[in-house]
N, C-alpha and C. Protein backbone atom coordinates (compact mmCIF):
# COMPACT_ATOMS: atom_id res chain seq x y z
N MET A 1 0.95 -1.56 0.02
CA MET A 1 -0.34 -0.11 -0.28
C MET A 1 1.14 1.23 -0.15
N ALA A 2 0.82 2.25 -0.90
CA ALA A 2 1.51 3.36 -1.19
C ALA A 2 0.92 4.84 -0.15
N SER A 3 2.15 5.03 0.85
CA SER A 3 1.46 6.38 1.45
C SER A 3 1.35 7.43 1.01
N GLU A 4 0.20 8.14 0.93
CA GLU A 4 0.76 9.62 0.22
C GLU A 4 0.63 10.60 1.25
N LEU A 5 1.44 11.78 0.98
CA LEU A 5 1.91 13.03 1.72
C LEU A 5 0.69 13.82 0.90
N ASN A 6 0.33 14.87 2.22
CA ASN A 6 -0.43 15.74 1.50
C ASN A 6 0.23 17.20 1.65
N PHE A 7 0.80 17.51 0.86
CA PHE A 7 1.64 18.85 1.26
C PHE A 7 0.52 19.82 1.61
N PHE A 8 -0.66 19.77 1.38
CA PHE A 8 -1.29 20.46 1.75
C PHE A 8 -1.74 20.85 3.48
N ASP A 9 -1.32 19.85 3.94
CA ASP A 9 -1.99 19.45 5.52
C ASP A 9 -0.46 20.45 6.61
N THR A 10 -1.33 21.47 7.40
CA THR A 10 -0.35 22.21 8.01
C THR A 10 0.99 20.99 8.73
N TYR A 11 0.43 19.65 9.48
CA TYR A 11 2.01 19.01 10.23
C TYR A 11 2.73 18.56 9.13
N VAL A 12 2.25 18.70 7.94
CA VAL A 12 3.36 18.04 6.84
C VAL A 12 4.18 18.94 6.49
N LEU A 13 3.84 19.98 6.00
CA LEU A 13 4.55 21.67 6.02
C LEU A 13 5.32 22.01 6.94
N MET A 14 5.02 22.20 8.19
CA MET A 14 6.12 21.69 9.18
C MET A 14 7.18 20.79 9.54
N ALA A 15 6.36 19.82 9.15
CA ALA A 15 7.65 18.68 9.49
C ALA A 15 8.56 18.90 8.08
N ILE A 16 8.04 19.69 7.05
CA ILE A 16 9.41 19.34 6.29
C ILE A 16 10.12 20.55 6.20
N THR A 17 9.82 21.69 6.91
CA THR A 17 10.40 23.01 7.22
C THR A 17 11.36 23.00 8.03
N GLU A 18 11.10 21.35 9.31
CA GLU A 18 11.88 21.63 10.11
C GLU A 18 13.23 21.07 9.52
N GLU A 19 13.00 19.95 8.86
CA GLU A 19 14.36 19.10 8.48
C GLU A 19 14.93 19.79 7.14
N ILE A 20 14.82 21.29 6.95
CA ILE A 20 15.32 21.82 5.70
C ILE A 20 16.53 22.91 6.60
N VAL A 21 17.32 22.83 6.46
CA VAL A 21 18.85 23.45 7.25
C VAL A 21 19.36 24.34 6.52
N PRO A 22 18.66 25.98 6.04
CA PRO A 22 19.61 26.57 5.05
C PRO A 22 21.16 26.18 5.30
N GLN A 23 22.15 26.81 4.08
CA GLN A 23 23.33 26.72 4.19
C GLN A 23 23.64 28.10 4.74
N GLN A 24 24.40 28.55 5.47
CA GLN A 24 24.98 29.81 6.41
C GLN A 24 26.11 30.70 5.30
N THR A 25 25.87 30.54 4.09
CA THR A 25 27.33 30.82 3.35
C THR A 25 27.55 32.83 3.18
N PHE A 26 26.26 33.23 3.69
CA PHE A 26 26.75 34.97 3.15
C PHE A 26 28.56 35.09 3.65
N PHE A 27 28.93 35.02 4.55
CA PHE A 27 30.06 35.39 5.22
C PHE A 27 31.30 34.55 4.40
N LYS A 28 31.12 33.56 3.94
CA LYS A 28 32.16 32.55 3.11
C LYS A 28 32.14 33.41 1.35
N ASP A 29 30.79 33.83 0.89
CA ASP A 29 30.67 33.98 -0.14
C ASP A 29 30.83 35.67 -0.35
N ARG A 30 31.16 36.01 0.56
CA ARG A 30 30.95 37.68 0.57
C ARG A 30 32.63 38.36 0.44
N TYR A 31 32.97 37.25 1.59
CA TYR A 31 34.70 38.19 1.94
C TYR A 31 35.56 36.81 1.19
N PHE A 32 35.35 35.53 0.75
CA PHE A 32 36.49 34.77 0.44
C PHE A 32 35.65 33.74 -0.80
N PRO A 33 35.31 34.67 -1.64
CA PRO A 33 34.60 34.40 -2.97
C PRO A 33 36.12 32.97 -4.12
N THR A 34 35.53 31.40 -3.91
CA THR A 34 36.29 30.95 -4.83
C THR A 34 35.67 30.76 -6.42
N GLY A 35 36.33 30.28 -7.38
CA GLY A 35 36.24 29.29 -8.28
C GLY A 35 36.46 27.86 -8.38
N GLU A 36 36.48 27.48 -9.61
CA GLU A 36 37.10 26.30 -9.92
C GLU A 36 38.63 26.01 -9.57
N GLY A 37 39.03 27.17 -10.49
CA GLY A 37 40.61 27.43 -10.35
C GLY A 37 41.56 27.95 -9.15
N ASP A 38 40.52 28.15 -8.23
CA ASP A 38 41.18 29.03 -6.55
C ASP A 38 41.12 27.69 -5.80
N ILE A 39 40.43 26.40 -5.78
CA ILE A 39 40.86 25.28 -4.86
C ILE A 39 41.60 24.28 -5.57
N PHE A 40 42.31 23.87 -4.60
CA PHE A 40 43.48 23.24 -4.95
C PHE A 40 44.21 21.59 -3.83
N ALA A 41 44.34 20.63 -4.54
CA ALA A 41 44.31 20.08 -3.44
C ALA A 41 45.57 19.26 -2.81
N CYS A 42 45.46 19.31 -1.29
CA CYS A 42 46.94 19.78 -0.30
C CYS A 42 45.75 19.49 0.88
N ASP A 43 46.66 18.73 1.79
CA ASP A 43 46.14 18.78 3.36
C ASP A 43 47.19 20.17 4.01
N LYS A 44 48.34 20.39 3.77
CA LYS A 44 48.26 21.68 4.69
C LYS A 44 49.10 22.74 3.51
N VAL A 45 49.04 24.02 4.47
CA VAL A 45 49.56 25.34 3.69
C VAL A 45 50.39 25.51 4.54
N GLN A 46 51.57 26.65 4.02
CA GLN A 46 52.48 27.09 4.11
C GLN A 46 52.22 28.39 4.62
N PHE A 47 52.10 29.02 6.05
CA PHE A 47 51.41 30.43 6.23
C PHE A 47 53.19 30.77 7.29
N THR A 48 53.28 32.15 6.86
CA THR A 48 53.86 33.33 7.46
C THR A 48 53.71 34.30 7.77
N ARG A 49 53.87 34.58 8.92
CA ARG A 49 53.14 35.84 9.73
C ARG A 49 54.33 36.98 10.10
N ASP A 50 54.06 38.19 10.02
CA ASP A 50 54.94 39.08 9.94
C ASP A 50 54.90 39.78 10.94
N TYR A 51 55.41 40.02 12.15
CA TYR A 51 55.17 40.57 13.30
C TYR A 51 55.65 41.86 13.12
N THR A 52 56.32 42.74 12.31
CA THR A 52 56.98 43.78 12.53
C THR A 52 56.25 44.54 12.36
N GLY A 53 54.99 44.90 11.91
CA GLY A 53 54.29 46.36 11.19
C GLY A 53 53.06 46.24 12.17
């Protein structure tokens, strides 16, 4: 027996929206834009910090 979902039922709509979690990407997209050419495969990145200024 197939079960039907009534998408106009309030409880079904509430259950669906509770499961949808929007991705928080505004900060990442705004200040750290990346494209296909920006992403590289490595496990570590060398970082040098200048404390003189």
